[in-house]
């Protein structure tokens, strides 16, 4: 007899969903995490704090209202770290309470402490004291998440030279900042601090940022970030960072020297598997701390599963939740359909980006014909009302069967709007549905009808010329 039917290591989105799904199936479930990390990295240092910080920045700077009230408009002139932190702490506290309530309501046993494998079915849990508690389980789900990768060559001090986790502990808003890495996290924070008035320089060794996004959308984002005084240094690598009494100097391999109050490294993330004792379970992790799984999220040891960021791409809270649910159902021997292939990506830059499906580059490379339909917020009544003149929605449509191949949104509400396109694609809908549908007026959702009509008119023009 084991202590639990299913035991989960980590209480982030993936672990939480796995535990609750198994509990709802009538299994005896426990979840293990450090007392100060209930809700995981997502709630405590990652997704929730960063997105809350973004909302605080947008509100306090009045950035979204300047189109209407002038470039000098601000809700608060002297924004402090305390102003930003107040909202963040409030949201984190409420989210932790919600997680604790959901676990209690579903009778999931929460064991505070750090868990590690002592054997394939045994976990040793170290809490506040030195004594290690041993717990056994029939099935185990690893959902320990990731931490920011820290290159050995960089002397992090968590004040002048920081990673993304250090952002929420900053004691001041820097006047100047260097962001190393133009991935999702780097660009999100670069845009937030630029909105606050920080002079930001982004250093990226690749030729462009956000390579998986639509090129036109990325160029639009780059234009707006440059308008916020962001400087980009593409095809540049960092040779070293020299800490100074009042800041740091980032030395590039090209010889350029960039002074700044703060340097933020966004060099990817590393799976938190170092202290799990994987060898005792017969498991290994790769050089980035990631665990290999099959299509059912099983590791090489059949009764041990892994979900979320610790298994690598796409490393999103939304996909981690679904992975956790699917893994729990499989572990409990319950039939469940797999994850839908059509998954949205949301990037919370200022302005935000979201897309689902293929990009123009993808389709061109695959030699798949497509037509483009575009709607611009400035042509919508709702766009004028909210003062968003730069937003746009782009539909990629198959001229052969009129199906949607991709939906790309840039601007206010992008991460919400994209789900309309996701639903149409998931149900096998065509552009005709969007043309004939009635949308509330005035709304940003109306952009779907405008873009659909644009694509339809282009396809009709080709038909007229052909026939």
Protein backbone atom coordinates (compact mmCIF):
# COMPACT_ATOMS: atom_id res chain seq x y z
CA UNK A 1 0.00 0.00 0.00
CA UNK A 2 1.23 3.49 -0.89
CA UNK A 3 0.33 6.75 0.85
CA UNK A 4 -1.23 8.33 -2.25
CA UNK A 5 -2.60 7.31 -5.62
CA UNK A 6 -0.95 10.36 -7.23
CA UNK A 7 1.67 12.76 -5.90
CA UNK A 8 2.60 15.99 -7.67
CA UNK A 9 5.91 17.81 -7.28
CA UNK A 10 5.25 21.52 -7.86
CA UNK A 11 2.09 23.61 -7.48
CA UNK A 12 2.31 25.78 -10.59
CA UNK A 13 -0.35 25.69 -13.36
CA UNK A 14 0.60 22.18 -14.55
CA UNK A 15 0.94 20.63 -11.11
CA UNK A 16 -2.19 22.25 -9.76
CA UNK A 17 -4.34 21.07 -12.69
CA UNK A 18 -2.89 17.55 -12.50
CA UNK A 19 -3.66 17.29 -8.78
CA UNK A 20 -7.22 18.63 -9.09
CA UNK A 21 -8.00 16.51 -12.17
CA UNK A 22 -6.91 13.33 -10.36
CA UNK A 23 -8.84 14.33 -7.23
CA UNK A 24 -12.01 14.86 -9.28
CA UNK A 25 -11.54 11.32 -10.59
CA UNK A 26 -11.75 10.08 -7.01
CA UNK A 27 -8.05 9.50 -6.40
CA UNK A 28 -6.14 10.24 -3.18
CA UNK A 29 -3.80 13.08 -4.17
CA UNK A 30 -1.00 15.14 -2.60
CA UNK A 31 0.95 18.10 -3.89
CA UNK A 32 4.42 19.09 -2.65
CA UNK A 33 5.91 22.56 -2.84
CA UNK A 34 7.81 25.02 -0.69
CA UNK A 35 5.61 26.96 1.72
CA UNK A 36 6.52 30.29 0.10
CA UNK A 37 5.97 29.03 -3.47
CA UNK A 38 2.36 27.83 -3.47
CA UNK A 39 1.15 28.54 -7.01
CA UNK A 40 4.64 28.00 -8.37
CA UNK A 41 6.84 30.34 -10.38
CA UNK A 42 3.79 31.40 -12.41
CA UNK A 43 2.11 33.17 -9.51
CA UNK A 44 5.10 34.15 -7.38
CA UNK A 45 7.82 35.37 -9.74
CA UNK A 46 6.77 34.83 -13.35
CA UNK A 47 3.56 35.19 -15.33
CA UNK A 48 1.25 36.84 -12.78
CA UNK A 49 3.74 39.42 -11.41
CA UNK A 50 4.96 40.40 -14.88
CA UNK A 51 1.46 40.79 -16.33
CA UNK A 52 0.28 42.70 -13.25
CA UNK A 53 3.32 44.97 -13.51
CA UNK A 54 2.38 45.62 -17.14
CA UNK A 55 -1.15 46.67 -16.17
CA UNK A 56 0.21 48.96 -13.45
CA UNK A 57 2.62 50.55 -15.93
CA UNK A 58 -0.13 51.13 -18.51
CA UNK A 59 -2.45 52.67 -15.94
CA UNK A 60 0.03 54.89 -14.08
CA UNK A 61 1.81 56.19 -17.20
CA UNK A 62 -1.48 56.84 -19.01
CA UNK A 63 0.26 55.55 -22.13
CA UNK A 64 -2.88 54.21 -23.79
CA UNK A 65 -4.68 57.52 -23.33
CA UNK A 66 -2.06 59.81 -24.87
CA UNK A 67 -3.55 59.48 -28.33
CA UNK A 68 -6.61 61.28 -26.94
CA UNK A 69 -5.20 63.57 -24.25
CA UNK A 70 -1.72 64.42 -25.57
CA UNK A 71 1.79 63.07 -25.11
CA UNK A 72 2.24 64.78 -21.73
CA UNK A 73 -0.71 62.92 -20.15
CA UNK A 74 0.14 60.80 -17.08
CA UNK A 75 -1.98 59.50 -14.22
CA UNK A 76 1.01 59.90 -11.85
CA UNK A 77 4.09 62.01 -12.50
CA UNK A 78 6.62 60.36 -10.19
CA UNK A 79 6.01 56.63 -10.44
CA UNK A 80 7.92 54.58 -7.85
CA UNK A 81 8.65 50.91 -7.38
CA UNK A 82 6.24 51.00 -4.43
CA UNK A 83 3.43 52.15 -6.76
CA UNK A 84 4.06 49.21 -9.07
CA UNK A 85 4.64 46.70 -6.27
CA UNK A 86 1.41 47.46 -4.43
CA UNK A 87 -0.77 46.14 -7.25
CA UNK A 88 1.52 43.17 -7.85
CA UNK A 89 1.51 42.06 -4.20
CA UNK A 90 -2.27 42.39 -4.05
CA UNK A 91 -2.82 40.16 -7.10
CA UNK A 92 -0.24 37.58 -5.99
CA UNK A 93 -1.90 37.33 -2.58
CA UNK A 94 -5.35 36.84 -4.08
CA UNK A 95 -4.09 34.23 -6.55
CA UNK A 96 -2.34 32.22 -3.81
CA UNK A 97 -5.57 32.25 -1.79
CA UNK A 98 -7.46 31.00 -4.84
CA UNK A 99 -5.01 28.12 -5.37
CA UNK A 100 -5.12 27.15 -1.70
CA UNK A 101 -8.92 27.23 -1.73
CA UNK A 102 -9.17 25.10 -4.89
CA UNK A 103 -6.80 22.46 -3.53
CA UNK A 104 -8.66 22.32 -0.19
CA UNK A 105 -12.05 22.17 -1.87
CA UNK A 106 -10.92 19.16 -3.90
CA UNK A 107 -9.37 17.48 -0.85
CA UNK A 108 -5.82 17.59 -2.22
CA UNK A 109 -3.29 17.19 0.59
CA UNK A 110 -0.72 20.01 0.50
CA UNK A 111 2.67 19.00 1.93
CA UNK A 112 4.96 22.04 2.40
CA UNK A 113 8.65 21.46 1.73
CA UNK A 114 11.13 20.43 -0.94
CA UNK A 115 10.59 17.01 -2.46
CA UNK A 116 13.20 14.70 -3.97
CA UNK A 117 13.21 11.10 -5.16
CA UNK A 118 14.55 8.47 -2.76
CA UNK A 119 13.27 5.66 -4.99
CA UNK A 120 11.02 5.48 -8.09
CA UNK A 121 7.90 5.48 -5.89
CA UNK A 122 9.23 7.30 -2.80
CA UNK A 123 9.64 11.03 -2.22
CA UNK A 124 11.62 12.54 0.64
CA UNK A 125 10.20 15.91 1.76
CA UNK A 126 12.28 18.38 3.74
CA UNK A 127 10.31 21.17 5.38
CA UNK A 128 11.25 23.80 7.94
CA UNK A 129 13.12 21.33 10.16
CA UNK A 130 15.93 18.91 9.33
CA UNK A 131 13.75 15.82 9.51
CA UNK A 132 12.85 14.29 6.15
CA UNK A 133 9.34 12.94 5.68
CA UNK A 134 8.98 9.93 3.37
CA UNK A 135 5.90 9.61 1.17
CA UNK A 136 5.06 6.90 -1.37
CA UNK A 137 2.74 7.08 -4.39
CA UNK A 138 1.53 4.85 -7.24
CA UNK A 139 1.92 7.66 -9.77
CA UNK A 140 4.11 10.76 -9.61
CA UNK A 141 3.89 13.96 -11.70
CA UNK A 142 6.92 16.25 -11.94
CA UNK A 143 5.80 19.87 -12.43
CA UNK A 144 8.67 21.79 -10.87
CA UNK A 145 8.90 24.48 -13.57
CA UNK A 146 11.97 26.49 -14.50
CA UNK A 147 14.21 29.28 -13.27
CA UNK A 148 16.04 31.94 -15.30
CA UNK A 149 19.26 30.59 -16.82
CA UNK A 150 22.33 32.32 -15.39
CA UNK A 151 25.52 32.17 -17.50
CA UNK A 152 28.60 31.40 -15.40
CA UNK A 153 30.40 34.33 -17.01
CA UNK A 154 27.97 36.88 -15.54
CA UNK A 155 28.35 38.12 -11.96
CA UNK A 156 24.71 38.51 -10.87
CA UNK A 157 24.18 40.60 -7.74
CA UNK A 158 20.35 40.80 -7.92
CA UNK A 159 20.50 44.60 -7.84
CA UNK A 160 22.61 45.97 -10.67
CA UNK A 161 22.89 42.77 -12.73
CA UNK A 162 19.65 40.83 -12.50
CA UNK A 163 17.55 38.16 -14.21
CA UNK A 164 13.78 38.30 -14.80
CA UNK A 165 13.04 37.03 -11.26
CA UNK A 166 14.90 40.02 -9.84
CA UNK A 167 12.59 42.55 -11.51
CA UNK A 168 9.93 42.37 -8.78
CA UNK A 169 12.56 43.01 -6.08
CA UNK A 170 14.04 46.17 -7.64
CA UNK A 171 14.34 49.09 -5.23
CA UNK A 172 14.09 51.82 -7.88
CA UNK A 173 13.11 52.43 -11.49
CA UNK A 174 16.39 52.73 -13.41
CA UNK A 175 17.06 55.66 -15.73
CA UNK A 176 18.92 53.38 -18.12
CA UNK A 177 18.77 49.62 -18.69
CA UNK A 178 20.39 47.02 -20.92
CA UNK A 179 18.27 43.95 -21.70
CA UNK A 180 20.32 41.01 -22.95
CA UNK A 181 18.11 38.76 -25.08
CA UNK A 182 15.17 39.71 -27.32
CA UNK A 183 13.02 36.70 -26.57
CA UNK A 184 9.51 36.94 -25.15
CA UNK A 185 10.53 37.76 -21.55
CA UNK A 186 13.25 40.22 -22.56
CA UNK A 187 11.03 42.17 -24.95
CA UNK A 188 8.08 42.21 -22.52
CA UNK A 189 10.21 43.81 -19.79
CA UNK A 190 12.01 46.10 -22.25
CA UNK A 191 8.66 47.54 -23.36
CA UNK A 192 7.42 47.97 -19.77
CA UNK A 193 10.48 49.90 -18.61
CA UNK A 194 10.54 51.95 -21.81
CA UNK A 195 6.93 52.96 -21.07
CA UNK A 196 8.09 54.09 -17.60
CA UNK A 197 10.66 56.38 -19.25
CA UNK A 198 13.75 54.20 -18.83
CA UNK A 199 16.22 54.43 -21.73
CA UNK A 200 16.42 50.77 -22.79
CA UNK A 201 19.00 49.09 -25.02
CA UNK A 202 18.21 45.56 -26.22
CA UNK A 203 21.14 43.33 -27.20
CA UNK A 204 20.35 40.26 -29.31
CA UNK A 205 22.80 37.94 -31.09
CA UNK A 206 20.22 36.94 -33.73
CA UNK A 207 19.19 39.07 -36.71
CA UNK A 208 15.67 39.74 -35.44
CA UNK A 209 13.49 39.34 -32.39
CA UNK A 210 10.55 36.99 -31.88
CA UNK A 211 11.45 34.92 -34.95
CA UNK A 212 8.34 32.73 -34.59
CA UNK A 213 5.99 35.72 -34.99
CA UNK A 214 4.61 37.32 -38.13
CA UNK A 215 7.29 39.64 -39.57
CA UNK A 216 4.90 42.53 -40.23
CA UNK A 217 3.63 42.39 -36.63
CA UNK A 218 7.18 42.30 -35.24
CA UNK A 219 8.18 45.27 -37.38
CA UNK A 220 5.17 47.20 -36.04
CA UNK A 221 6.21 46.37 -32.46
CA UNK A 222 9.78 47.41 -33.17
CA UNK A 223 8.57 50.75 -34.55
CA UNK A 224 6.56 51.46 -31.39
CA UNK A 225 9.39 50.44 -29.08
CA UNK A 226 11.76 52.75 -30.95
CA UNK A 227 9.16 55.47 -30.47
CA UNK A 228 9.57 54.80 -26.72
CA UNK A 229 13.34 55.39 -27.13
CA UNK A 230 14.36 51.70 -27.17
CA UNK A 231 17.65 51.06 -28.96
CA UNK A 232 18.22 47.68 -30.63
CA UNK A 233 21.61 46.03 -31.09
CA UNK A 234 20.99 42.98 -33.28
CA UNK A 235 23.74 40.51 -34.30
CA UNK A 236 25.65 41.54 -31.18
CA UNK A 237 26.89 39.27 -28.38
CA UNK A 238 27.88 40.26 -24.85
CA UNK A 239 31.55 39.71 -24.07
CA UNK A 240 31.35 40.79 -20.43
CA UNK A 241 29.52 42.98 -17.93
CA UNK A 242 31.66 45.22 -15.73
CA UNK A 243 30.02 46.28 -12.48
CA UNK A 244 30.66 49.90 -11.48
CA UNK A 245 29.91 51.84 -8.27
CA UNK A 246 26.81 53.39 -9.84
CA UNK A 247 25.80 50.83 -12.43
CA UNK A 248 27.40 48.54 -14.99
CA UNK A 249 29.02 48.65 -18.42
CA UNK A 250 28.00 45.98 -20.92
CA UNK A 251 30.90 45.19 -23.26
CA UNK A 252 29.89 43.72 -26.62
CA UNK A 253 32.12 41.45 -28.69
CA UNK A 254 32.13 44.15 -31.38
CA UNK A 255 33.85 46.46 -28.89
CA UNK A 256 30.85 48.65 -28.07
CA UNK A 257 30.50 49.64 -24.41
CA UNK A 258 26.98 50.39 -23.12
CA UNK A 259 26.64 52.04 -19.69
CA UNK A 260 23.44 51.47 -17.71
CA UNK A 261 22.03 51.61 -14.19
CA UNK A 262 20.74 48.04 -14.52
CA UNK A 263 21.50 45.04 -16.75
CA UNK A 264 18.79 42.40 -17.11
CA UNK A 265 19.78 39.02 -18.52
CA UNK A 266 17.07 37.10 -20.32
CA UNK A 267 19.08 34.10 -21.46
CA UNK A 268 16.34 31.49 -21.53
CA UNK A 269 15.24 29.28 -18.66
CA UNK A 270 16.55 26.15 -16.93
CA UNK A 271 14.44 23.28 -15.59
CA UNK A 272 14.36 23.02 -11.80
CA UNK A 273 15.50 19.40 -11.68
CA UNK A 274 18.97 19.75 -10.10
CA UNK A 275 17.78 18.88 -6.59
CA UNK A 276 15.10 16.33 -7.47
CA UNK A 277 17.34 13.27 -7.12
CA UNK A 278 16.28 12.07 -10.57
CA UNK A 279 18.93 9.34 -10.58
CA UNK A 280 17.14 7.61 -7.68
CA UNK A 281 14.06 7.38 -9.91
CA UNK A 282 16.03 6.17 -12.93
CA UNK A 283 15.62 9.47 -14.76
CA UNK A 284 17.93 12.05 -16.31
CA UNK A 285 17.56 15.64 -17.51
CA UNK A 286 19.24 17.34 -20.47
CA UNK A 287 21.76 20.20 -20.23
CA UNK A 288 18.89 22.68 -19.76
CA UNK A 289 17.35 20.65 -16.94
CA UNK A 290 14.46 19.43 -19.11
CA UNK A 291 12.88 15.98 -18.85
CA UNK A 292 11.94 13.96 -21.92
CA UNK A 293 8.34 12.69 -22.14
CA UNK A 294 6.14 10.86 -24.65
CA UNK A 295 2.82 12.02 -26.12
CA UNK A 296 1.05 11.10 -22.87
CA UNK A 297 3.60 13.04 -20.76
CA UNK A 298 5.13 9.84 -19.39
CA UNK A 299 8.85 9.83 -18.70
CA UNK A 300 11.13 6.85 -19.36
CA UNK A 301 9.85 5.44 -16.06
CA UNK A 302 6.19 4.54 -16.89
CA UNK A 303 4.57 5.58 -13.60
CA UNK A 304 6.34 8.97 -13.51
CA UNK A 305 4.98 11.86 -15.59
CA UNK A 306 6.30 15.38 -16.26
CA UNK A 307 4.40 18.47 -17.42
CA UNK A 308 4.85 22.21 -17.86
CA UNK A 309 7.99 24.22 -18.44
CA UNK A 310 10.19 21.40 -17.13
CA UNK A 311 9.55 19.44 -20.37
CA UNK A 312 10.38 22.41 -22.63
CA UNK A 313 8.47 24.02 -25.51
CA UNK A 314 5.99 25.69 -25.57
CA UNK A 315 6.54 26.55 -21.88
CA UNK A 316 3.31 28.50 -21.46
CA UNK A 317 1.06 28.57 -18.41
CA UNK A 318 -1.96 27.80 -20.61
CA UNK A 319 -0.43 24.71 -22.23
CA UNK A 320 1.02 23.57 -18.89
CA UNK A 321 -2.49 23.51 -17.39
CA UNK A 322 -3.77 21.29 -20.17
CA UNK A 323 -0.71 19.02 -20.00
CA UNK A 324 -1.33 18.56 -16.28
CA UNK A 325 -4.97 17.60 -16.83
CA UNK A 326 -4.12 15.16 -19.64
CA UNK A 327 -1.27 13.55 -17.67
CA UNK A 328 -3.53 13.05 -14.64
CA UNK A 329 -6.25 11.40 -16.73
CA UNK A 330 -3.72 9.06 -18.36
CA UNK A 331 -2.14 8.25 -14.98
CA UNK A 332 -5.59 7.38 -13.62
CA UNK A 333 -6.40 5.18 -16.62
CA UNK A 334 -9.16 7.50 -17.79
CA UNK A 335 -9.79 8.02 -21.51
CA UNK A 336 -9.21 11.59 -22.69
CA UNK A 337 -8.71 13.23 -26.08
CA UNK A 338 -5.32 14.81 -26.78
CA UNK A 339 -4.47 18.50 -26.78
CA UNK A 340 -5.81 20.48 -29.73
CA UNK A 341 -3.04 21.42 -32.15
CA UNK A 342 -4.43 24.93 -32.62
CA UNK A 343 -2.96 26.80 -29.65
CA UNK A 344 -2.71 30.57 -29.23
CA UNK A 345 0.48 32.41 -28.34
CA UNK A 346 0.25 35.63 -26.33
CA UNK A 347 3.11 38.08 -25.86
CA UNK A 348 2.43 40.81 -23.31
CA UNK A 349 4.59 43.54 -24.75
CA UNK A 350 3.39 47.14 -24.98
CA UNK A 351 1.50 46.97 -27.36
CA UNK A 352 0.65 43.26 -27.06
CA UNK A 353 0.85 40.54 -29.70
CA UNK A 354 -1.12 37.33 -30.11
CA UNK A 355 -1.49 34.78 -32.86
CA UNK A 356 -2.76 31.32 -33.68
CA UNK A 357 -1.94 29.10 -36.64
CA UNK A 358 0.61 29.64 -39.39
CA UNK A 359 2.63 32.72 -40.33
CA UNK A 360 3.15 34.10 -43.84
CA UNK A 361 6.75 32.84 -43.79
CA UNK A 362 5.60 29.33 -42.76
CA UNK A 363 3.06 29.14 -45.56
CA UNK A 364 5.41 30.56 -48.18
CA UNK A 365 8.13 28.08 -47.24
CA UNK A 366 5.64 25.20 -47.37
CA UNK A 367 4.37 26.46 -50.77
CA UNK A 368 0.82 26.77 -49.44
CA UNK A 369 -1.15 29.52 -51.24
CA UNK A 370 -2.92 32.08 -49.05
CA UNK A 371 -4.70 35.40 -49.20
CA UNK A 372 -4.33 38.15 -46.60
CA UNK A 373 -7.15 40.14 -45.05
CA UNK A 374 -6.26 43.09 -42.84
CA UNK A 375 -8.26 45.30 -40.50
CA UNK A 376 -6.74 48.33 -38.79
CA UNK A 377 -8.02 49.62 -35.47
CA UNK A 378 -7.97 53.21 -36.70
CA UNK A 379 -10.74 52.28 -39.18
CA UNK A 380 -12.95 50.93 -36.37
CA UNK A 381 -15.17 53.11 -34.21
CA UNK A 382 -13.97 51.24 -31.13
CA UNK A 383 -10.36 51.91 -32.10
CA UNK A 384 -11.10 55.64 -32.22
CA UNK A 385 -12.96 55.52 -28.89
CA UNK A 386 -10.07 53.87 -27.01
CA UNK A 387 -7.39 55.87 -28.83
CA UNK A 388 -5.63 52.93 -30.50
CA UNK A 389 -4.63 54.02 -34.01
CA UNK A 390 -1.87 51.47 -34.53
CA UNK A 391 -3.58 48.12 -33.79
CA UNK A 392 -4.26 45.63 -36.55
CA UNK A 393 -5.72 42.19 -37.17
CA UNK A 394 -4.53 39.98 -40.02
CA UNK A 395 -6.24 36.87 -41.38
CA UNK A 396 -4.44 34.33 -43.57
CA UNK A 397 -7.02 32.53 -45.68
CA UNK A 398 -6.78 29.52 -48.01
CA UNK A 399 -8.13 30.53 -51.46
CA UNK A 400 -8.86 26.86 -52.17
CA UNK A 401 -11.34 26.06 -49.38
CA UNK A 402 -11.55 29.47 -47.59
CA UNK A 403 -10.35 28.02 -44.26
CA UNK A 404 -8.44 30.24 -41.84
CA UNK A 405 -4.75 29.32 -41.84
CA UNK A 406 -3.60 31.90 -39.31
CA UNK A 407 -4.78 34.86 -37.23
CA UNK A 408 -2.33 37.57 -36.10
CA UNK A 409 -3.29 40.48 -33.83
CA UNK A 410 -1.28 43.51 -32.69
CA UNK A 411 -2.60 46.13 -30.30
CA UNK A 412 -5.11 46.57 -27.47
CA UNK A 413 -6.80 43.32 -26.42
CA UNK A 414 -4.79 41.15 -28.83
CA UNK A 415 -4.53 38.24 -26.38
CA UNK A 416 -8.32 38.26 -25.92
CA UNK A 417 -9.30 38.82 -29.57
CA UNK A 418 -7.23 35.93 -30.89
CA UNK A 419 -9.59 33.38 -29.31
CA UNK A 420 -12.36 34.21 -31.81
CA UNK A 421 -10.05 33.13 -34.63
CA UNK A 422 -8.90 30.12 -32.63
CA UNK A 423 -12.50 28.97 -32.20
CA UNK A 424 -13.33 29.38 -35.88
CA UNK A 425 -10.20 27.45 -36.86
CA UNK A 426 -10.82 24.72 -34.28
CA UNK A 427 -14.35 24.18 -35.59
CA UNK A 428 -13.14 24.03 -39.21
CA UNK A 429 -14.87 27.32 -40.04
CA UNK A 430 -14.22 29.42 -43.11
CA UNK A 431 -13.83 33.10 -43.85
CA UNK A 432 -17.46 33.05 -45.06
CA UNK A 433 -18.62 32.62 -41.46
CA UNK A 434 -16.83 35.81 -40.43
CA UNK A 435 -18.21 37.70 -43.42
CA UNK A 436 -21.78 36.71 -42.57
CA UNK A 437 -21.51 36.96 -38.76
CA UNK A 438 -22.90 39.94 -36.87
CA UNK A 439 -20.51 41.47 -34.32
CA UNK A 440 -21.45 43.93 -31.60
CA UNK A 441 -20.82 47.55 -32.60
CA UNK A 442 -18.63 49.31 -31.67
CA UNK A 443 -16.12 46.58 -30.72
CA UNK A 444 -12.62 45.51 -31.63
CA UNK A 445 -14.08 42.08 -32.47
CA UNK A 446 -15.62 43.75 -35.52
CA UNK A 447 -12.09 43.72 -36.97
CA UNK A 448 -12.67 40.06 -37.88
CA UNK A 449 -15.52 41.01 -40.24
CA UNK A 450 -13.52 43.85 -41.79
CA UNK A 451 -10.45 41.63 -42.34
CA UNK A 452 -12.64 38.80 -43.69
CA UNK A 453 -14.28 41.15 -46.20
CA UNK A 454 -10.83 42.40 -47.25
CA UNK A 455 -9.63 38.83 -47.91
CA UNK A 456 -12.88 37.92 -49.69
CA UNK A 457 -12.69 40.95 -51.98
CA UNK A 458 -9.11 40.06 -52.95
CA UNK A 459 -10.12 36.49 -53.77
CA UNK A 460 -13.10 37.72 -55.81
CA UNK A 461 -10.82 40.04 -57.78
CA UNK A 462 -8.60 37.11 -58.71
CA UNK A 463 -11.67 35.08 -59.73
CA UNK A 464 -12.91 37.94 -61.96
CA UNK A 465 -9.52 38.25 -63.67
CA UNK A 466 -9.37 34.48 -64.15
CA UNK A 467 -12.81 34.04 -65.52
